[in-house]
Each structure stands twice: as structure tokens, then as C-alpha cells.
Amino acid sequence: QVQLVESGGGLVQPGGSLRLSCAASGIIFSDAAMGWYRQAPGQQRELVATITGGGSTHYADSVKGRFTISRDNAKNTVYLQMNSLKLEDTAVYYCNAPSGRTHWFAPRNEYWGQGTQVTVSS
């Protein structure tokens, strides 16, 4: 069974920092591109950042220079370091594996975590 379990969300003041973690199980993690998405109330889910199995990264313009995505393949974990947080960063943050596979000959599927709430408020 594939699981993506996020942690690290919470309440933080504007300008503060948080680090989100996503622990993956059931997929070949080193092979999997991973991503973070977010969804604010009444808004569509949007891409925040992605990282390939080789470590190449991509960021939404709104978070460039403030957020950093990274991964630890030994721990099957992807991180999102969020600095200089703004009110508009408030959202539920979701971990995503867009094309994970459970073994080398399995078809690729998309997987999502359950989300973790990030609230930026003074």
C-alpha cells in the first residue's frame, strides 16, 4: 500500500518559517519525482514545487527565493522549507508523487498525501 504522510504544518506569523516533511512508503522513492501542492479555501489546488529523482527542482513563481524543496532518498522523505512566509501562503499543503511505481515492472500511478494545514497569521 502506498502512503504519503505529511507533517510539519502549523500556525506561524508572517515572516516566519516552517519545514514540511512527506514520508513515502510503498513506492520506489529514488525513482519517483515528488512535488508539493497547496489549496487555499475557495481556490484550486496549485503547484508549489517539484523535485525529480535526480534532484532537479522547479518552483512556482510565487514561492521562488522563499521555499526550497529537497529530498533524502535514504529516508524516503521529501521536504519543503518555507521561509519568509506570507499571509497568502495559508493553505493545505499536499505531497504528490505524480508517477510512482510500487516495483520496477509496475505501471506508474499518481499518489497524494492527506494534506497538512499551514496558517500564516499575525
N, C-alpha and C. Protein backbone atom coordinates (compact mmCIF):
# COMPACT_ATOMS: atom_id res chain seq x y z
N GLN A 1 0.85 -1.19 0.00
CA GLN A 1 0.00 0.00 0.00
C GLN A 1 0.88 1.24 0.00
N VAL A 2 0.58 2.16 -0.89
CA VAL A 2 1.35 3.39 -1.00
C VAL A 2 0.80 4.41 -0.01
N GLN A 3 1.71 5.03 0.73
CA GLN A 3 1.32 6.10 1.65
C GLN A 3 2.28 7.27 1.51
N LEU A 4 1.69 8.46 1.48
CA LEU A 4 2.45 9.70 1.57
C LEU A 4 1.91 10.43 2.79
N VAL A 5 2.76 10.61 3.79
CA VAL A 5 2.31 11.19 5.05
C VAL A 5 3.03 12.50 5.31
N GLU A 6 2.26 13.58 5.27
CA GLU A 6 2.83 14.91 5.51
C GLU A 6 2.84 15.24 6.99
N SER A 7 3.78 16.08 7.36
CA SER A 7 3.85 16.59 8.73
C SER A 7 4.57 17.94 8.70
N GLY A 8 4.45 18.67 9.80
CA GLY A 8 5.18 19.92 9.93
C GLY A 8 4.37 21.18 9.76
N GLY A 9 3.11 21.04 9.43
CA GLY A 9 2.28 22.22 9.30
C GLY A 9 1.99 22.85 10.65
N GLY A 10 1.38 24.04 10.59
CA GLY A 10 1.03 24.71 11.83
C GLY A 10 0.74 26.18 11.60
N LEU A 11 0.72 26.90 12.71
CA LEU A 11 0.45 28.34 12.71
C LEU A 11 1.76 29.09 12.86
N VAL A 12 1.96 30.07 12.00
CA VAL A 12 3.21 30.84 12.03
C VAL A 12 2.89 32.29 11.69
N GLN A 13 3.66 33.21 12.23
CA GLN A 13 3.48 34.62 11.93
C GLN A 13 4.09 34.97 10.58
N PRO A 14 3.60 36.03 9.96
CA PRO A 14 4.23 36.48 8.71
C PRO A 14 5.72 36.71 8.91
N GLY A 15 6.50 36.28 7.92
CA GLY A 15 7.95 36.37 8.01
C GLY A 15 8.60 35.17 8.64
N GLY A 16 7.81 34.29 9.20
CA GLY A 16 8.34 33.10 9.86
C GLY A 16 8.65 31.98 8.90
N SER A 17 9.05 30.85 9.48
CA SER A 17 9.46 29.69 8.69
C SER A 17 8.79 28.42 9.20
N LEU A 18 8.62 27.49 8.30
CA LEU A 18 8.17 26.14 8.63
C LEU A 18 8.87 25.17 7.69
N ARG A 19 9.02 23.94 8.14
CA ARG A 19 9.53 22.90 7.26
C ARG A 19 8.53 21.75 7.24
N LEU A 20 8.03 21.47 6.06
CA LEU A 20 7.12 20.34 5.87
C LEU A 20 7.92 19.11 5.47
N SER A 21 7.43 17.97 5.92
CA SER A 21 8.03 16.69 5.55
C SER A 21 6.95 15.79 4.96
N CYS A 22 7.37 14.95 4.04
CA CYS A 22 6.47 13.96 3.45
C CYS A 22 7.22 12.64 3.42
N ALA A 23 6.77 11.71 4.25
CA ALA A 23 7.37 10.38 4.30
C ALA A 23 6.61 9.45 3.37
N ALA A 24 7.33 8.85 2.43
CA ALA A 24 6.71 7.98 1.44
C ALA A 24 7.01 6.52 1.75
N SER A 25 6.03 5.68 1.51
CA SER A 25 6.23 4.24 1.63
C SER A 25 5.45 3.54 0.54
N GLY A 26 5.95 2.38 0.13
CA GLY A 26 5.24 1.59 -0.86
C GLY A 26 5.59 1.90 -2.30
N ILE A 27 6.42 2.92 -2.54
CA ILE A 27 6.88 3.22 -3.89
C ILE A 27 8.41 3.19 -3.91
N ILE A 28 8.95 3.05 -5.12
CA ILE A 28 10.40 3.13 -5.29
C ILE A 28 10.76 4.61 -5.23
N PHE A 29 11.14 5.08 -4.05
CA PHE A 29 11.24 6.51 -3.82
C PHE A 29 12.33 7.16 -4.67
N SER A 30 13.48 6.51 -4.77
CA SER A 30 14.59 7.13 -5.51
C SER A 30 14.26 7.34 -6.98
N ASP A 31 13.29 6.60 -7.48
CA ASP A 31 12.88 6.68 -8.88
C ASP A 31 11.79 7.72 -9.11
N ALA A 32 11.19 8.20 -8.03
CA ALA A 32 9.97 8.98 -8.14
C ALA A 32 10.23 10.48 -8.07
N ALA A 33 9.71 11.20 -9.08
CA ALA A 33 9.59 12.64 -8.92
C ALA A 33 8.58 12.91 -7.82
N MET A 34 8.81 13.98 -7.06
CA MET A 34 7.91 14.33 -5.96
C MET A 34 7.55 15.80 -6.05
N GLY A 35 6.42 16.15 -5.49
CA GLY A 35 6.01 17.54 -5.54
C GLY A 35 5.20 17.95 -4.33
N TRP A 36 5.11 19.24 -4.17
CA TRP A 36 4.22 19.85 -3.16
C TRP A 36 3.21 20.73 -3.89
N TYR A 37 1.97 20.57 -3.50
CA TYR A 37 0.88 21.41 -3.99
C TYR A 37 0.22 22.06 -2.79
N ARG A 38 -0.59 23.07 -3.03
CA ARG A 38 -1.35 23.69 -1.96
C ARG A 38 -2.72 24.11 -2.47
N GLN A 39 -3.65 24.17 -1.53
CA GLN A 39 -5.01 24.59 -1.85
C GLN A 39 -5.53 25.48 -0.74
N ALA A 40 -5.80 26.72 -1.10
CA ALA A 40 -6.39 27.67 -0.16
C ALA A 40 -7.90 27.56 -0.25
N PRO A 41 -8.63 28.00 0.78
CA PRO A 41 -10.10 27.93 0.75
C PRO A 41 -10.67 28.64 -0.46
N GLY A 42 -11.54 27.95 -1.18
CA GLY A 42 -12.18 28.53 -2.34
C GLY A 42 -11.30 28.64 -3.57
N GLN A 43 -10.09 28.09 -3.48
CA GLN A 43 -9.15 28.18 -4.61
C GLN A 43 -8.86 26.78 -5.16
N GLN A 44 -8.35 26.76 -6.38
CA GLN A 44 -7.93 25.49 -6.96
C GLN A 44 -6.58 25.08 -6.37
N ARG A 45 -6.35 23.78 -6.40
CA ARG A 45 -5.05 23.28 -5.96
C ARG A 45 -3.99 23.76 -6.94
N GLU A 46 -2.87 24.22 -6.43
CA GLU A 46 -1.81 24.75 -7.29
C GLU A 46 -0.46 24.14 -6.95
N LEU A 47 0.37 24.05 -7.98
CA LEU A 47 1.71 23.53 -7.81
C LEU A 47 2.56 24.51 -7.02
N VAL A 48 3.32 24.01 -6.07
CA VAL A 48 4.27 24.82 -5.31
C VAL A 48 5.70 24.53 -5.78
N ALA A 49 6.08 23.27 -5.77
CA ALA A 49 7.45 22.91 -6.14
C ALA A 49 7.51 21.43 -6.49
N THR A 50 8.48 21.09 -7.34
CA THR A 50 8.71 19.69 -7.68
C THR A 50 10.21 19.39 -7.63
N ILE A 51 10.51 18.11 -7.48
CA ILE A 51 11.89 17.66 -7.50
C ILE A 51 11.93 16.30 -8.17
N THR A 52 12.86 16.12 -9.11
CA THR A 52 12.97 14.85 -9.80
C THR A 52 13.76 13.86 -8.95
N GLY A 53 13.79 12.62 -9.40
CA GLY A 53 14.59 11.63 -8.69
C GLY A 53 16.06 12.01 -8.67
N GLY A 54 16.50 12.73 -9.69
CA GLY A 54 17.89 13.17 -9.76
C GLY A 54 18.17 14.47 -9.03
N GLY A 55 17.12 15.11 -8.50
CA GLY A 55 17.31 16.31 -7.70
C GLY A 55 17.07 17.63 -8.40
N SER A 56 16.62 17.60 -9.65
CA SER A 56 16.30 18.84 -10.32
C SER A 56 15.00 19.41 -9.76
N THR A 57 14.98 20.72 -9.58
CA THR A 57 13.84 21.34 -8.91
C THR A 57 13.15 22.37 -9.81
N HIS A 58 11.89 22.61 -9.46
CA HIS A 58 11.08 23.60 -10.16
C HIS A 58 10.17 24.26 -9.13
N TYR A 59 9.97 25.56 -9.24
CA TYR A 59 9.16 26.29 -8.28
C TYR A 59 8.13 27.16 -8.98
N ALA A 60 7.01 27.35 -8.31
CA ALA A 60 6.05 28.35 -8.74
C ALA A 60 6.67 29.72 -8.53
N ASP A 61 6.32 30.65 -9.39
CA ASP A 61 6.89 32.00 -9.29
C ASP A 61 6.61 32.61 -7.93
N SER A 62 5.46 32.30 -7.35
CA SER A 62 5.05 32.92 -6.10
C SER A 62 5.91 32.51 -4.91
N VAL A 63 6.67 31.43 -5.04
CA VAL A 63 7.47 30.96 -3.91
C VAL A 63 8.97 30.96 -4.19
N LYS A 64 9.36 31.31 -5.40
CA LYS A 64 10.79 31.31 -5.74
C LYS A 64 11.57 32.24 -4.81
N GLY A 65 12.70 31.74 -4.34
CA GLY A 65 13.53 32.52 -3.44
C GLY A 65 13.12 32.43 -1.98
N ARG A 66 11.95 31.85 -1.71
CA ARG A 66 11.47 31.72 -0.32
C ARG A 66 11.36 30.27 0.11
N PHE A 67 10.97 29.40 -0.81
CA PHE A 67 10.76 27.98 -0.50
C PHE A 67 11.86 27.15 -1.15
N THR A 68 12.22 26.05 -0.49
CA THR A 68 13.20 25.12 -1.03
C THR A 68 12.69 23.70 -0.87
N ILE A 69 12.63 22.98 -1.97
CA ILE A 69 12.26 21.57 -1.93
C ILE A 69 13.53 20.73 -1.95
N SER A 70 13.54 19.67 -1.18
CA SER A 70 14.69 18.78 -1.15
C SER A 70 14.21 17.37 -0.84
N ARG A 71 15.10 16.42 -0.98
CA ARG A 71 14.73 15.04 -0.71
C ARG A 71 15.89 14.29 -0.08
N ASP A 72 15.54 13.29 0.71
CA ASP A 72 16.52 12.38 1.31
C ASP A 72 16.10 10.98 0.91
N ASN A 73 16.76 10.42 -0.09
CA ASN A 73 16.35 9.11 -0.59
C ASN A 73 16.60 8.01 0.43
N ALA A 74 17.54 8.20 1.33
CA ALA A 74 17.80 7.20 2.36
C ALA A 74 16.64 7.12 3.35
N LYS A 75 15.91 8.22 3.50
CA LYS A 75 14.78 8.27 4.44
C LYS A 75 13.44 8.24 3.74
N ASN A 76 13.45 8.14 2.40
CA ASN A 76 12.20 8.15 1.63
C ASN A 76 11.34 9.36 1.99
N THR A 77 11.98 10.51 2.09
CA THR A 77 11.30 11.70 2.55
C THR A 77 11.62 12.89 1.65
N VAL A 78 10.60 13.69 1.39
CA VAL A 78 10.77 14.95 0.67
C VAL A 78 10.38 16.08 1.62
N TYR A 79 11.10 17.18 1.51
CA TYR A 79 10.89 18.31 2.42
C TYR A 79 10.51 19.56 1.64
N LEU A 80 9.86 20.46 2.34
CA LEU A 80 9.61 21.79 1.81
C LEU A 80 9.96 22.79 2.91
N GLN A 81 11.09 23.47 2.73
CA GLN A 81 11.47 24.52 3.67
C GLN A 81 10.83 25.82 3.20
N MET A 82 10.04 26.41 4.07
CA MET A 82 9.30 27.62 3.73
C MET A 82 9.79 28.76 4.62
N ASN A 83 10.38 29.76 4.01
CA ASN A 83 10.87 30.93 4.73
C ASN A 83 10.11 32.18 4.28
N SER A 84 10.23 33.21 5.06
CA SER A 84 9.58 34.49 4.72
C SER A 84 8.11 34.29 4.37
N LEU A 85 7.42 33.55 5.20
CA LEU A 85 6.03 33.21 4.90
C LEU A 85 5.15 34.43 4.89
N LYS A 86 4.18 34.40 3.97
CA LYS A 86 3.23 35.49 3.79
C LYS A 86 1.83 35.00 4.11
N LEU A 87 0.93 35.96 4.34
CA LEU A 87 -0.46 35.60 4.61
C LEU A 87 -1.03 34.72 3.50
N GLU A 88 -0.65 35.04 2.28
CA GLU A 88 -1.20 34.31 1.13
C GLU A 88 -0.63 32.90 0.96
N ASP A 89 0.30 32.51 1.79
CA ASP A 89 0.80 31.13 1.78
C ASP A 89 -0.11 30.20 2.59
N THR A 90 -1.09 30.76 3.26
CA THR A 90 -2.03 29.96 4.04
C THR A 90 -2.79 29.01 3.13
N ALA A 91 -2.72 27.73 3.43
CA ALA A 91 -3.35 26.71 2.59
C ALA A 91 -3.13 25.34 3.21
N VAL A 92 -3.83 24.35 2.67
CA VAL A 92 -3.49 22.96 2.95
C VAL A 92 -2.42 22.54 1.93
N TYR A 93 -1.34 22.00 2.42
CA TYR A 93 -0.23 21.59 1.56
C TYR A 93 -0.25 20.08 1.39
N TYR A 94 -0.16 19.66 0.14
CA TYR A 94 -0.26 18.24 -0.20
C TYR A 94 1.03 17.75 -0.84
N CYS A 95 1.44 16.57 -0.44
CA CYS A 95 2.56 15.89 -1.07
C CYS A 95 2.04 15.07 -2.25
N ASN A 96 2.80 15.05 -3.32
CA ASN A 96 2.37 14.37 -4.55
C ASN A 96 3.50 13.57 -5.16
N ALA A 97 3.16 12.37 -5.58
CA ALA A 97 4.07 11.56 -6.41
C ALA A 97 3.36 11.35 -7.74
N PRO A 98 3.71 12.10 -8.77
CA PRO A 98 2.92 12.08 -9.99
C PRO A 98 3.03 10.79 -10.79
N SER A 99 4.10 10.05 -10.59
CA SER A 99 4.28 8.84 -11.41
C SER A 99 5.09 7.80 -10.64
N GLY A 100 4.62 7.48 -9.45
CA GLY A 100 5.31 6.49 -8.64
C GLY A 100 4.97 5.06 -9.07
N ARG A 101 5.87 4.17 -8.77
CA ARG A 101 5.59 2.76 -9.04
C ARG A 101 6.02 1.92 -7.85
N THR A 102 5.26 0.85 -7.66
CA THR A 102 5.46 0.04 -6.46
C THR A 102 6.59 -0.96 -6.62
N HIS A 103 6.92 -1.30 -7.84
CA HIS A 103 8.10 -2.12 -8.13
C HIS A 103 8.52 -1.79 -9.55
N TRP A 104 9.70 -2.28 -9.94
CA TRP A 104 10.30 -1.84 -11.19
C TRP A 104 9.46 -2.17 -12.42
N PHE A 105 8.61 -3.18 -12.37
CA PHE A 105 7.83 -3.56 -13.55
C PHE A 105 6.36 -3.16 -13.41
N ALA A 106 6.05 -2.40 -12.38
CA ALA A 106 4.67 -1.96 -12.16
C ALA A 106 4.36 -0.73 -13.00
N PRO A 107 3.11 -0.53 -13.36
CA PRO A 107 2.73 0.71 -14.04
C PRO A 107 2.86 1.90 -13.10
N ARG A 108 3.07 3.07 -13.68
CA ARG A 108 3.18 4.27 -12.86
C ARG A 108 1.79 4.82 -12.55
N ASN A 109 1.64 5.30 -11.33
CA ASN A 109 0.39 5.90 -10.89
C ASN A 109 0.68 7.17 -10.10
N GLU A 110 -0.35 7.99 -9.96
CA GLU A 110 -0.23 9.21 -9.18
C GLU A 110 -0.75 8.97 -7.77
N TYR A 111 -0.02 9.52 -6.80
CA TYR A 111 -0.41 9.35 -5.39
C TYR A 111 -0.39 10.72 -4.70
N TRP A 112 -1.28 10.83 -3.71
CA TRP A 112 -1.40 12.07 -2.93
C TRP A 112 -1.37 11.75 -1.44
N GLY A 113 -0.83 12.69 -0.67
CA GLY A 113 -0.95 12.62 0.76
C GLY A 113 -2.27 13.22 1.21
N GLN A 114 -2.49 13.20 2.53
CA GLN A 114 -3.77 13.68 3.07
C GLN A 114 -3.76 15.18 3.31
N GLY A 115 -2.60 15.80 3.28
CA GLY A 115 -2.50 17.24 3.45
C GLY A 115 -2.16 17.66 4.86
N THR A 116 -1.50 18.80 4.96
CA THR A 116 -1.20 19.39 6.25
C THR A 116 -1.48 20.89 6.17
N GLN A 117 -2.12 21.42 7.20
CA GLN A 117 -2.55 22.82 7.20
C GLN A 117 -1.39 23.73 7.58
N VAL A 118 -1.20 24.76 6.78
CA VAL A 118 -0.26 25.84 7.09
C VAL A 118 -1.08 27.13 7.18
N THR A 119 -1.00 27.78 8.33
CA THR A 119 -1.72 29.04 8.53
C THR A 119 -0.72 30.12 8.89
N VAL A 120 -0.71 31.17 8.09
CA VAL A 120 0.16 32.32 8.35
C VAL A 120 -0.74 33.46 8.82
N SER A 121 -0.53 33.86 10.05
CA SER A 121 -1.41 34.86 10.64
C SER A 121 -0.68 35.60 11.75
N SER A 122 -1.02 36.87 11.89
CA SER A 122 -0.44 37.66 12.98
C SER A 122 -1.38 37.66 14.18
